[in-house]
Amino acid sequence: MSTNTQFERISVIGLGYIGLPTAAVFASRGVEVVGVDINQRAVETINAGRVHIVEPDLDIVVQAAVNTGKLRATQVPEAADAFLIAVPTPFRQSEQGNSREPDLSYIHAAAETIAPLLQKGNLVVLESTSPVGTTEQLSRWLQQARPDLTFPHDRGDAADIRVAHCPERVLPGKVLQELVSNDRIIGGLSPACSRAALELYRVFVKGECVVTNARTAEMTKLTENAFRDVNIAFANELSMICDQLKINVWDLIRLANRHPRVNILNPGPGVGGHCIAVDPWFIVSSCPEQARLLSLARTVNDSKPGYVVDKVLKVAEQFKEPIIACLGLSFKADIDDLRESPAMRIVQNLADRGVGDVVAVEPNIKELPACLSERGVRLVGLTAALENANVVVVLVDHREFRNLDPSLFSAKAAIDTRGVFA
């Protein structure tokens, strides 16, 4: 399908969980897409029509786009009409050690990579979730690298280059569907920047494209994830209170949610992923005195893995030779994404404690990351884990675990952090 647009060639910088699906969807609309990634294996995999991440139906879209010649990957960036930056924005510990600060080095590196290729009329869109003011900083970095061009942070609509922020807001496991159907927030550094970005995303977005300024667009994404983080913290804190009061938290939440204006989320072993576990810190780092509730919610959620470890250690004491089977490593159900996963932290901590033999069951990966294998953790199948373990810890509610017969655990010490048996 061909689309009439001024953007005949698009470059996507970063071919991870957001960049690759975005590149594939643009390519499926008939736009030539050049994807750029520093990972040689990822580049080779994509150019072979395959994918290096787990996401439903992504392999089909990528294969079709590669076969039609609309999508190819490279480690060396090329000229384009529009550049989309979809690189990581992790955090690092603050100098005081009591908070976390955003690490914008990947965005800075992306700016330096594309700057030599920029031509008058190009559009640069930052999709990476970012602290407020990052899009302006990106424009300044580009200007430093290309003083021969003008940029919108100081020239507005008259600038040679247009710069905007359009944060991704998709759910892993439903990325292809939500990229197209979800509303998009478009925040340009000037009205002309917003108009250009609006035209770009209308190539494939069926949801409403809502225009605002860049700072508001940045804060919108952070607010969405901070809202969920605070509500999950409430549920996690509630689960710990219920443990002390000997109340089944899953029953409690079901009953409380029968109130027409109450909707408590489910607790878990913590909060993970590249968004909810990270983004609230961007707000806290910007306004630490005002963001007291957000900071406390992060503290509650970050403490939950340690709380789960303590529960497992207490249960394991009843066995002379504990064999602990940890079900799930990803940060949420039915995906392979281990980023900021509380399950990973729990398994790593258990291995460090040397309490017994620790095995992991994760149906969405083929091998353990080095941080676990080097600690003696073994990746095993579900059947083997249930046959040999005397302690079972449910850390992720993968579909393979949700369908298990609870009687399989009757002779074992089981800790269910996800309500699979509730």
Protein backbone atom coordinates (compact mmCIF):
# COMPACT_ATOMS: atom_id res chain seq x y z
CA MET A 1 0.00 0.00 0.00
CA SER A 2 1.45 3.36 -0.97
CA THR A 3 0.93 6.50 1.09
CA ASN A 4 1.13 10.07 -0.20
CA THR A 5 3.53 11.89 2.12
CA GLN A 6 6.53 14.21 1.98
CA PHE A 7 8.43 11.55 3.91
CA GLU A 8 9.71 9.15 1.28
CA ARG A 9 12.46 7.75 3.47
CA ILE A 10 12.45 7.41 7.26
CA SER A 11 15.34 6.47 9.50
CA VAL A 12 14.59 4.80 12.83
CA ILE A 13 17.46 4.98 15.32
CA GLY A 14 17.26 2.04 17.71
CA LEU A 15 15.64 -1.25 16.67
CA GLY A 16 14.46 -2.56 20.00
CA TYR A 17 11.01 -3.21 21.44
CA ILE A 18 9.66 0.10 20.11
CA GLY A 19 11.92 1.02 17.21
CA LEU A 20 11.59 -2.21 15.25
CA PRO A 21 7.77 -2.41 15.38
CA THR A 22 7.56 1.27 14.46
CA ALA A 23 9.92 0.79 11.53
CA ALA A 24 7.99 -2.28 10.36
CA VAL A 25 4.62 -0.52 10.52
CA PHE A 26 5.90 2.47 8.53
CA ALA A 27 7.38 0.07 5.95
CA SER A 28 4.09 -1.81 5.72
CA ARG A 29 2.50 1.47 4.60
CA GLY A 30 4.86 1.71 1.64
CA VAL A 31 7.44 4.09 3.12
CA GLU A 32 11.12 3.25 2.70
CA VAL A 33 12.58 2.69 6.17
CA VAL A 34 16.24 2.42 7.13
CA GLY A 35 16.65 1.10 10.66
CA VAL A 36 19.86 1.81 12.56
CA ASP A 37 21.18 -0.17 15.50
CA ILE A 38 24.62 -0.69 17.05
CA ASN A 39 23.88 -4.39 17.58
CA GLN A 40 25.32 -6.24 14.59
CA ARG A 41 23.40 -9.42 15.40
CA ALA A 42 20.11 -7.50 15.45
CA VAL A 43 20.92 -5.87 12.10
CA GLU A 44 21.77 -9.21 10.47
CA THR A 45 18.67 -10.86 11.92
CA ILE A 46 16.35 -8.14 10.61
CA ASN A 47 17.93 -8.12 7.16
CA ALA A 48 17.29 -11.87 7.03
CA GLY A 49 13.59 -11.14 7.58
CA ARG A 50 13.60 -12.34 11.18
CA VAL A 51 13.23 -10.66 14.58
CA HIS A 52 15.43 -10.65 17.66
CA ILE A 53 12.65 -9.86 20.15
CA VAL A 54 9.39 -11.56 21.12
CA GLU A 55 6.28 -9.68 20.04
CA PRO A 56 3.16 -11.29 18.54
CA ASP A 57 3.01 -11.06 14.73
CA LEU A 58 6.06 -8.81 14.50
CA ASP A 59 8.00 -11.51 12.64
CA ILE A 60 5.33 -11.62 9.93
CA VAL A 61 5.33 -7.84 9.41
CA VAL A 62 9.13 -7.60 9.40
CA GLN A 63 9.53 -10.47 6.95
CA ALA A 64 7.03 -8.91 4.55
CA ALA A 65 8.64 -5.47 4.82
CA VAL A 66 12.12 -6.86 4.20
CA ASN A 67 10.95 -8.99 1.27
CA THR A 68 9.34 -5.99 -0.43
CA GLY A 69 12.52 -3.96 0.04
CA LYS A 70 10.80 -1.33 2.19
CA LEU A 71 12.74 -2.17 5.36
CA ARG A 72 16.43 -2.75 5.87
CA ALA A 73 18.74 -2.42 8.83
CA THR A 74 22.24 -1.03 9.12
CA GLN A 75 24.81 -0.02 11.71
CA VAL A 76 25.72 3.07 9.68
CA PRO A 77 23.04 5.79 9.49
CA GLU A 78 21.95 7.18 6.15
CA ALA A 79 20.25 10.34 4.95
CA ALA A 80 16.47 10.48 5.30
CA ASP A 81 13.54 12.88 5.32
CA ALA A 82 12.68 12.09 8.93
CA PHE A 83 14.67 10.59 11.80
CA LEU A 84 12.90 8.82 14.67
CA ILE A 85 14.97 8.27 17.82
CA ALA A 86 13.85 5.25 19.83
CA VAL A 87 16.82 4.53 22.07
CA PRO A 88 16.88 3.60 25.79
CA THR A 89 16.59 6.23 28.52
CA PRO A 90 17.65 4.38 31.67
CA PHE A 91 18.40 5.95 35.03
CA ARG A 92 21.49 6.03 37.21
CA GLN A 93 21.95 6.50 40.95
CA SER A 94 22.16 10.12 42.03
CA GLU A 95 25.34 11.41 43.65
CA GLN A 96 23.49 11.55 46.98
CA GLY A 97 22.43 7.92 46.52
CA ASN A 98 18.83 8.52 47.60
CA SER A 99 17.27 8.96 44.18
CA ARG A 100 17.83 8.22 40.51
CA GLU A 101 18.69 10.50 37.66
CA PRO A 102 17.96 10.09 33.94
CA ASP A 103 20.76 8.88 31.70
CA LEU A 104 20.43 10.72 28.39
CA SER A 105 23.69 9.46 26.91
CA TYR A 106 21.91 7.26 24.35
CA ILE A 107 19.89 10.21 23.06
CA HIS A 108 23.02 12.35 22.94
CA ALA A 109 24.82 9.64 20.97
CA ALA A 110 21.89 9.35 18.56
CA ALA A 111 21.98 13.12 18.00
CA GLU A 112 25.67 13.02 17.18
CA THR A 113 25.06 10.08 14.84
CA ILE A 114 22.40 11.74 12.71
CA ALA A 115 23.64 15.34 12.85
CA PRO A 116 26.08 15.02 9.89
CA LEU A 117 23.22 13.74 7.71
CA LEU A 118 20.69 16.49 8.41
CA GLN A 119 19.43 18.59 5.53
CA LYS A 120 17.17 21.61 5.52
CA GLY A 121 13.54 20.54 5.90
CA ASN A 122 14.31 17.32 7.83
CA LEU A 123 12.20 16.26 10.79
CA VAL A 124 13.71 14.74 13.96
CA VAL A 125 11.29 13.03 16.34
CA LEU A 126 12.23 11.84 19.81
CA GLU A 127 10.11 8.82 20.74
CA SER A 128 12.19 7.75 23.74
CA THR A 129 10.46 8.42 27.05
CA SER A 130 12.31 11.43 28.42
CA PRO A 131 12.44 13.95 31.26
CA VAL A 132 10.80 17.30 30.65
CA GLY A 133 13.11 19.48 28.56
CA THR A 134 14.91 16.64 26.75
CA THR A 135 13.51 17.53 23.33
CA GLU A 136 14.87 21.05 23.71
CA GLN A 137 18.19 19.57 24.78
CA LEU A 138 18.17 17.30 21.72
CA SER A 139 17.68 20.38 19.52
CA ARG A 140 20.62 22.10 21.23
CA TRP A 141 22.85 19.04 20.79
CA LEU A 142 22.00 18.96 17.08
CA GLN A 143 22.76 22.65 16.76
CA GLN A 144 26.14 22.21 18.42
CA ALA A 145 26.99 19.53 15.88
CA ARG A 146 25.54 21.46 12.90
CA PRO A 147 26.03 25.21 13.41
CA ASP A 148 25.38 25.69 9.69
CA LEU A 149 21.71 24.86 10.27
CA THR A 150 19.07 26.54 12.43
CA PHE A 151 16.93 24.72 14.99
CA PRO A 152 13.53 25.42 16.55
CA HIS A 153 14.57 25.86 20.19
CA ASP A 154 15.75 29.34 19.25
CA ARG A 155 14.35 29.99 15.75
CA GLY A 156 10.83 28.57 16.06
CA ASP A 157 8.94 28.09 12.79
CA ALA A 158 11.79 29.71 10.85
CA ALA A 159 14.22 26.91 11.72
CA ASP A 160 15.80 24.74 9.03
CA ILE A 161 15.19 21.54 11.02
CA ARG A 162 11.96 20.52 12.72
CA VAL A 163 12.13 18.74 16.09
CA ALA A 164 9.27 17.13 18.02
CA HIS A 165 8.51 14.65 20.77
CA CYS A 166 6.02 11.83 20.24
CA PRO A 167 6.27 9.33 23.11
CA GLU A 168 5.47 5.68 22.53
CA ARG A 169 2.59 4.44 24.70
CA VAL A 170 2.12 0.78 23.79
CA LEU A 171 1.70 -2.39 25.81
CA PRO A 172 4.25 -5.17 25.26
CA GLY A 173 2.42 -8.11 23.73
CA LYS A 174 0.07 -5.76 21.85
CA VAL A 175 2.56 -3.37 20.31
CA LEU A 176 1.55 -3.71 16.65
CA GLN A 177 -2.12 -3.26 17.46
CA GLU A 178 -1.63 -0.31 19.79
CA LEU A 179 0.86 1.50 17.57
CA VAL A 180 -1.95 1.87 15.05
CA SER A 181 -5.02 2.21 17.26
CA ASN A 182 -3.82 4.27 20.23
CA ASP A 183 -4.03 8.06 20.29
CA ARG A 184 -0.64 9.75 19.88
CA ILE A 185 0.54 12.85 21.69
CA ILE A 186 2.58 15.10 19.38
CA GLY A 187 4.62 17.91 20.86
CA GLY A 188 6.67 20.06 18.54
CA LEU A 189 9.17 22.73 19.53
CA SER A 190 7.16 25.04 17.26
CA PRO A 191 3.83 24.86 15.43
CA ALA A 192 5.64 23.96 12.20
CA CYS A 193 7.40 21.10 14.01
CA SER A 194 4.07 19.79 15.25
CA ARG A 195 2.51 19.97 11.80
CA ALA A 196 5.37 18.00 10.27
CA ALA A 197 5.23 15.32 12.98
CA LEU A 198 1.45 15.15 12.62
CA GLU A 199 1.78 14.42 8.90
CA LEU A 200 4.37 11.74 9.64
CA TYR A 201 2.29 9.80 12.15
CA ARG A 202 -0.87 10.04 10.10
CA VAL A 203 0.85 7.62 7.72
CA PHE A 204 -0.22 4.74 9.97
CA VAL A 205 -1.94 5.96 13.15
CA LYS A 206 -5.70 5.42 13.17
CA GLY A 207 -6.13 6.82 16.66
CA GLU A 208 -6.35 10.56 17.20
CA CYS A 209 -3.12 12.53 16.93
CA VAL A 210 -3.35 15.23 19.61
CA VAL A 211 -1.03 18.22 19.26
CA THR A 212 0.55 20.01 22.20
CA ASN A 213 3.98 21.44 23.01
CA ALA A 214 7.06 19.30 23.58
CA ARG A 215 7.29 19.76 27.35
CA THR A 216 3.66 18.79 27.86
CA ALA A 217 4.10 15.76 25.60
CA GLU A 218 7.11 14.66 27.64
CA MET A 219 5.23 15.11 30.91
CA THR A 220 2.15 13.31 29.58
CA LYS A 221 4.04 10.04 29.12
CA LEU A 222 5.72 10.35 32.51
CA THR A 223 2.38 11.09 34.16
CA GLU A 224 0.70 8.04 32.61
CA ASN A 225 3.33 5.71 34.03
CA ALA A 226 3.62 7.48 37.37
CA PHE A 227 -0.14 7.13 37.80
CA ARG A 228 0.10 3.36 37.37
CA ASP A 229 3.15 3.15 39.59
CA VAL A 230 1.37 4.89 42.47
CA ASN A 231 -1.65 2.61 42.13
CA ILE A 232 0.50 -0.52 41.98
CA ALA A 233 2.35 0.69 45.08
CA PHE A 234 -1.00 0.88 46.89
CA ALA A 235 -1.75 -2.73 45.91
CA ASN A 236 1.74 -3.93 46.87
CA GLU A 237 1.59 -2.20 50.23
CA LEU A 238 -1.87 -3.67 50.78
CA SER A 239 -0.52 -7.17 50.08
CA MET A 240 2.14 -6.76 52.77
CA ILE A 241 -0.42 -5.48 55.26
CA CYS A 242 -2.65 -8.47 54.49
CA ASP A 243 0.24 -10.85 55.14
CA GLN A 244 0.59 -9.38 58.62
CA LEU A 245 -3.14 -9.53 59.30
CA LYS A 246 -3.54 -13.05 57.79
CA ILE A 247 -5.97 -11.90 55.10
CA ASN A 248 -6.06 -13.19 51.53
CA VAL A 249 -5.24 -10.05 49.55
CA TRP A 250 -6.79 -11.40 46.34
CA ASP A 251 -10.12 -12.00 48.07
CA LEU A 252 -9.90 -8.59 49.68
CA ILE A 253 -9.30 -6.78 46.38
CA ARG A 254 -12.14 -8.65 44.67
CA LEU A 255 -14.52 -7.59 47.42
CA ALA A 256 -13.33 -3.99 47.57
CA ASN A 257 -13.59 -3.66 43.79
CA ARG A 258 -17.30 -4.41 43.99
CA HIS A 259 -17.65 -0.79 45.06
CA PRO A 260 -18.67 1.17 41.93
CA ARG A 261 -15.88 3.76 42.37
CA VAL A 262 -13.05 1.49 43.50
CA ASN A 263 -10.67 -0.26 41.12
CA ILE A 264 -7.63 -1.57 42.98
CA LEU A 265 -4.92 -3.06 40.79
CA ASN A 266 -3.35 -6.45 41.49
CA PRO A 267 -0.17 -6.64 43.57
CA GLY A 268 2.94 -8.45 42.40
CA PRO A 269 6.61 -9.04 43.22
CA GLY A 270 7.49 -5.45 42.32
CA VAL A 271 7.37 -3.30 39.20
CA GLY A 272 9.53 -3.76 36.13
CA GLY A 273 9.88 -2.82 32.50
CA HIS A 274 11.38 0.12 30.69
CA CYS A 275 8.58 2.54 31.63
CA ILE A 276 6.73 2.25 34.93
CA ALA A 277 9.80 1.30 36.96
CA VAL A 278 11.84 4.14 35.44
CA ASP A 279 9.72 7.09 34.36
CA PRO A 280 8.51 8.32 37.77
CA TRP A 281 12.15 8.93 38.72
CA PHE A 282 12.36 11.42 35.83
CA ILE A 283 9.66 13.51 37.51
CA VAL A 284 11.23 13.09 40.95
CA SER A 285 14.64 14.18 39.67
CA SER A 286 13.10 17.32 38.14
CA CYS A 287 11.00 18.34 41.17
CA PRO A 288 12.18 16.37 44.24
CA GLU A 289 10.51 18.64 46.80
CA GLN A 290 7.10 18.41 45.13
CA ALA A 291 7.13 14.76 44.01
CA ARG A 292 6.91 13.23 47.49
CA LEU A 293 4.13 10.75 46.74
CA LEU A 294 5.79 9.58 43.51
CA SER A 295 9.09 9.04 45.33
CA LEU A 296 7.42 7.06 48.11
CA ALA A 297 5.53 4.90 45.60
CA ARG A 298 8.81 4.07 43.86
CA THR A 299 10.32 3.16 47.24
CA VAL A 300 7.41 0.83 48.04
CA ASN A 301 7.58 -0.93 44.69
CA ASP A 302 11.36 -1.19 44.75
CA SER A 303 11.19 -2.79 48.20
CA LYS A 304 8.75 -5.53 47.19
CA PRO A 305 11.35 -7.91 45.66
CA GLY A 306 13.28 -7.91 48.94
CA TYR A 307 10.07 -8.64 50.80
CA VAL A 308 9.40 -11.63 48.53
CA VAL A 309 12.96 -12.92 49.03
CA ASP A 310 12.49 -12.83 52.80
CA LYS A 311 9.27 -14.85 52.46
CA VAL A 312 11.02 -17.47 50.33
CA LEU A 313 13.94 -17.75 52.74
CA LYS A 314 11.59 -18.29 55.66
CA VAL A 315 9.70 -21.03 53.82
CA ALA A 316 12.93 -22.69 52.63
CA GLU A 317 14.11 -23.13 56.21
CA GLN A 318 11.77 -26.08 56.68
CA PHE A 319 13.69 -28.16 54.10
CA LYS A 320 17.10 -29.73 54.65
CA GLU A 321 17.96 -29.33 50.95
CA PRO A 322 15.73 -26.64 49.44
CA ILE A 323 15.16 -26.76 45.69
CA ILE A 324 13.52 -23.49 44.74
CA ALA A 325 11.71 -23.24 41.40
CA CYS A 326 11.09 -19.65 40.34
CA LEU A 327 8.34 -19.44 37.74
CA GLY A 328 8.89 -16.49 35.42
CA LEU A 329 11.70 -13.99 34.83
CA SER A 330 10.22 -11.35 32.52
CA PHE A 331 8.74 -8.15 33.90
CA LYS A 332 5.20 -9.07 32.79
CA ALA A 333 3.27 -12.02 31.44
CA ASP A 334 3.81 -13.65 28.04
CA ILE A 335 6.80 -11.62 26.83
CA ASP A 336 10.58 -12.10 26.89
CA ASP A 337 11.49 -8.62 28.17
CA LEU A 338 13.70 -8.82 31.27
CA ARG A 339 14.33 -5.09 31.65
CA GLU A 340 14.04 -3.90 35.27
CA SER A 341 12.27 -7.17 36.07
CA PRO A 342 11.57 -7.69 39.78
CA ALA A 343 11.55 -11.44 39.13
CA MET A 344 15.13 -11.20 37.92
CA ARG A 345 16.13 -9.33 41.08
CA ILE A 346 14.45 -11.93 43.26
CA VAL A 347 16.10 -14.91 41.56
CA GLN A 348 19.49 -13.22 41.61
CA ASN A 349 19.11 -12.40 45.30
CA LEU A 350 18.08 -15.97 46.17
CA ALA A 351 21.12 -17.32 44.33
CA ASP A 352 23.39 -14.89 46.19
CA ARG A 353 21.98 -16.03 49.54
CA GLY A 354 23.04 -19.64 48.84
CA VAL A 355 19.87 -20.95 50.46
CA GLY A 356 19.63 -23.94 48.14
CA ASP A 357 19.40 -25.02 44.51
CA VAL A 358 17.67 -22.29 42.49
CA VAL A 359 16.13 -23.07 39.11
CA ALA A 360 14.18 -20.77 36.81
CA VAL A 361 11.33 -21.46 34.41
CA GLU A 362 10.90 -18.87 31.67
CA PRO A 363 9.13 -20.18 28.55
CA ASN A 364 9.87 -17.04 26.52
CA ILE A 365 13.68 -17.22 26.50
CA LYS A 366 16.17 -19.84 25.34
CA GLU A 367 19.03 -19.10 27.69
CA LEU A 368 19.59 -17.33 30.97
CA PRO A 369 21.29 -13.95 31.13
CA ALA A 370 24.85 -14.16 32.45
CA CYS A 371 23.93 -12.47 35.74
CA LEU A 372 21.95 -15.61 36.65
CA SER A 373 23.89 -18.42 34.98
CA GLU A 374 27.12 -17.20 36.58
CA ARG A 375 25.43 -17.53 39.96
CA GLY A 376 24.56 -21.17 39.36
CA VAL A 377 20.91 -20.66 38.44
CA ARG A 378 19.69 -23.17 35.86
CA LEU A 379 16.98 -22.70 33.22
CA VAL A 380 14.68 -25.72 33.26
CA GLY A 381 11.34 -26.74 31.83
CA LEU A 382 8.13 -26.45 33.80
CA THR A 383 7.61 -30.20 34.17
CA ALA A 384 11.10 -30.79 35.52
CA ALA A 385 10.80 -27.87 37.92
CA LEU A 386 7.53 -29.12 39.40
CA GLU A 387 8.83 -32.66 39.70
CA ASN A 388 12.02 -31.76 41.58
CA ALA A 389 11.32 -28.58 43.54
CA ASN A 390 10.05 -28.48 47.10
CA VAL A 391 9.60 -24.69 47.06
CA VAL A 392 7.76 -23.02 44.16
CA VAL A 393 7.62 -19.24 43.73
CA VAL A 394 5.26 -17.80 41.10
CA LEU A 395 6.81 -14.53 39.95
CA VAL A 396 5.11 -13.96 36.57
CA ASP A 397 1.62 -15.03 35.52
CA HIS A 398 2.54 -16.49 32.13
CA ARG A 399 -0.26 -18.39 30.40
CA GLU A 400 1.67 -21.62 30.98
CA PHE A 401 1.38 -21.04 34.72
CA ARG A 402 -2.19 -19.73 34.83
CA ASN A 403 -3.51 -23.04 33.52
CA LEU A 404 -1.74 -25.23 36.07
CA ASP A 405 -3.73 -27.54 38.32
CA PRO A 406 -3.36 -26.21 41.90
CA SER A 407 -3.15 -29.81 43.13
CA LEU A 408 0.36 -29.97 41.63
CA PHE A 409 1.48 -27.75 44.48
CA SER A 410 -0.29 -29.50 47.35
CA ALA A 411 2.91 -31.24 48.53
CA LYS A 412 5.12 -28.18 48.04
CA ALA A 413 5.69 -24.89 49.77
CA ALA A 414 4.25 -22.36 47.33
CA ILE A 415 4.51 -18.59 47.29
CA ASP A 416 2.20 -16.97 44.74
CA THR A 417 3.04 -13.32 44.08
CA ARG A 418 0.67 -13.00 41.12
CA GLY A 419 -2.57 -14.53 42.33
CA VAL A 420 -2.39 -17.47 39.92
CA PHE A 421 -4.06 -19.73 42.47
CA ALA A 422 -6.40 -17.11 43.89
